[in-house]
Amino acid sequence: MKLSEIVKTLNLEVFSNEHLLEDIEVVGAYTSDLLSDVMGKAQEMQIWITLQNHKNVLAVASLKDLAAILLINNIKPNTELVEQSEKEEIPILGTKEPAFIISGKLYNLFYK
């Protein structure tokens, strides 16, 4: 599923790399706030659902070749994170929803 379709369907906010949304094919999502957990278990081209808001998030997302980072609970990315995401070409998205709700909505998009 195209990232642009997910953003539109779930009414997600786009904080960076909006120009890439049409080109990114997403295979699923992974929800975790532990960087080591994401490094060990997230799969390539998944959306990472998290509340983490620092540049190490981008390092992990880049290492795992993730499709995007989705910040929950109406968290806004800091400037450093946005700047790094532009360099790494990994979109940062946002939602007011908590992790449980947005994870369920993404599950429904992929598996129903």
Protein backbone atom coordinates (compact mmCIF):
# COMPACT_ATOMS: atom_id res chain seq x y z
CA MET A 1 0.00 0.00 0.00
CA LYS A 2 1.30 3.46 -0.86
CA LEU A 3 2.28 5.67 2.06
CA SER A 4 0.25 8.49 0.53
CA GLU A 5 -2.90 6.35 0.72
CA ILE A 6 -2.26 5.54 4.39
CA VAL A 7 -1.70 9.22 5.22
CA LYS A 8 -4.95 10.20 3.51
CA THR A 9 -7.05 7.33 4.92
CA LEU A 10 -5.89 7.82 8.52
CA ASN A 11 -5.70 11.62 8.29
CA LEU A 12 -2.07 11.69 9.39
CA GLU A 13 -0.02 14.86 9.64
CA VAL A 14 3.11 15.01 7.46
CA PHE A 15 6.10 16.72 9.08
CA SER A 16 8.76 15.93 6.47
CA ASN A 17 9.38 14.48 3.02
CA GLU A 18 5.84 14.88 1.73
CA HIS A 19 7.19 14.64 -1.81
CA LEU A 20 8.17 10.98 -1.19
CA LEU A 21 4.76 9.68 -0.06
CA GLU A 22 3.64 8.53 -3.52
CA ASP A 23 6.86 6.57 -4.06
CA ILE A 24 6.96 4.58 -0.82
CA GLU A 25 5.31 1.17 -0.72
CA VAL A 26 4.52 0.14 2.87
CA VAL A 27 4.29 -3.52 3.90
CA GLY A 28 3.03 -3.10 7.47
CA ALA A 29 3.80 -1.41 10.77
CA TYR A 30 5.77 -1.99 13.94
CA THR A 31 4.93 -0.41 17.31
CA SER A 32 7.66 0.05 19.90
CA ASP A 33 9.44 2.72 21.89
CA LEU A 34 12.59 0.66 22.50
CA LEU A 35 15.25 1.33 19.87
CA SER A 36 16.87 -2.07 20.44
CA ASP A 37 13.53 -3.80 19.95
CA VAL A 38 12.97 -2.01 16.64
CA MET A 39 16.51 -2.84 15.52
CA GLY A 40 15.90 -6.50 16.26
CA LYS A 41 12.34 -7.00 15.03
CA ALA A 42 11.07 -4.30 12.66
CA GLN A 43 10.98 -5.26 9.01
CA GLU A 44 12.06 -3.27 5.97
CA MET A 45 9.43 -0.83 4.65
CA GLN A 46 7.26 -0.89 7.76
CA ILE A 47 5.94 2.24 9.46
CA TRP A 48 7.45 2.64 12.92
CA ILE A 49 4.87 3.78 15.48
CA THR A 50 6.55 5.49 18.44
CA LEU A 51 6.61 8.40 20.84
CA GLN A 52 10.41 8.74 20.58
CA ASN A 53 11.44 12.17 19.30
CA HIS A 54 15.22 12.37 18.90
CA LYS A 55 17.82 11.85 16.18
CA ASN A 56 18.61 8.26 17.20
CA VAL A 57 15.17 7.35 15.89
CA LEU A 58 16.36 8.30 12.41
CA ALA A 59 19.52 6.24 12.79
CA VAL A 60 17.44 3.15 13.58
CA ALA A 61 14.88 3.87 10.85
CA SER A 62 17.67 4.27 8.32
CA LEU A 63 19.47 1.14 9.48
CA LYS A 64 16.27 -0.92 9.13
CA ASP A 65 15.17 0.80 5.89
CA LEU A 66 11.80 1.69 7.40
CA ALA A 67 9.11 3.40 5.33
CA ALA A 68 8.29 6.16 7.83
CA ILE A 69 8.20 7.17 11.46
CA LEU A 70 4.76 7.81 12.95
CA LEU A 71 4.73 9.90 16.12
CA ILE A 72 1.73 9.28 18.39
CA ASN A 73 -0.16 11.29 21.04
CA ASN A 74 0.07 14.56 19.08
CA ILE A 75 3.85 14.66 19.55
CA LYS A 76 5.58 17.06 17.18
CA PRO A 77 9.10 16.26 15.95
CA ASN A 78 11.91 18.49 17.10
CA THR A 79 13.87 20.48 14.52
CA GLU A 80 16.87 18.18 14.65
CA LEU A 81 14.70 15.15 13.86
CA VAL A 82 13.03 16.88 10.90
CA GLU A 83 16.37 18.02 9.48
CA GLN A 84 17.84 14.52 9.79
CA SER A 85 14.75 12.96 8.21
CA GLU A 86 15.15 15.22 5.19
CA LYS A 87 18.75 14.02 4.78
CA GLU A 88 17.82 10.36 5.23
CA GLU A 89 14.65 10.73 3.09
CA ILE A 90 12.46 9.02 5.69
CA PRO A 91 9.09 10.73 6.21
CA ILE A 92 7.96 11.70 9.69
CA LEU A 93 4.23 11.52 10.26
CA GLY A 94 2.05 12.37 13.22
CA THR A 95 -1.27 11.47 14.80
CA LYS A 96 -3.20 12.52 17.89
CA GLU A 97 -4.08 8.87 18.48
CA PRO A 98 -2.34 6.70 21.08
CA ALA A 99 -0.24 3.74 19.93
CA PHE A 100 -2.98 1.15 20.58
CA ILE A 101 -5.59 2.91 18.44
CA ILE A 102 -3.37 3.82 15.48
CA SER A 103 -1.82 0.34 15.49
CA GLY A 104 -5.31 -1.15 15.24
CA LYS A 105 -6.25 1.18 12.41
CA LEU A 106 -3.12 0.23 10.48
CA TYR A 107 -3.78 -3.44 11.15
CA ASN A 108 -7.24 -3.03 9.63
CA LEU A 109 -5.80 -1.39 6.53
CA PHE A 110 -3.42 -4.27 5.90
CA TYR A 111 -5.31 -7.34 7.07
CA LYS A 112 -9.04 -6.79 6.53
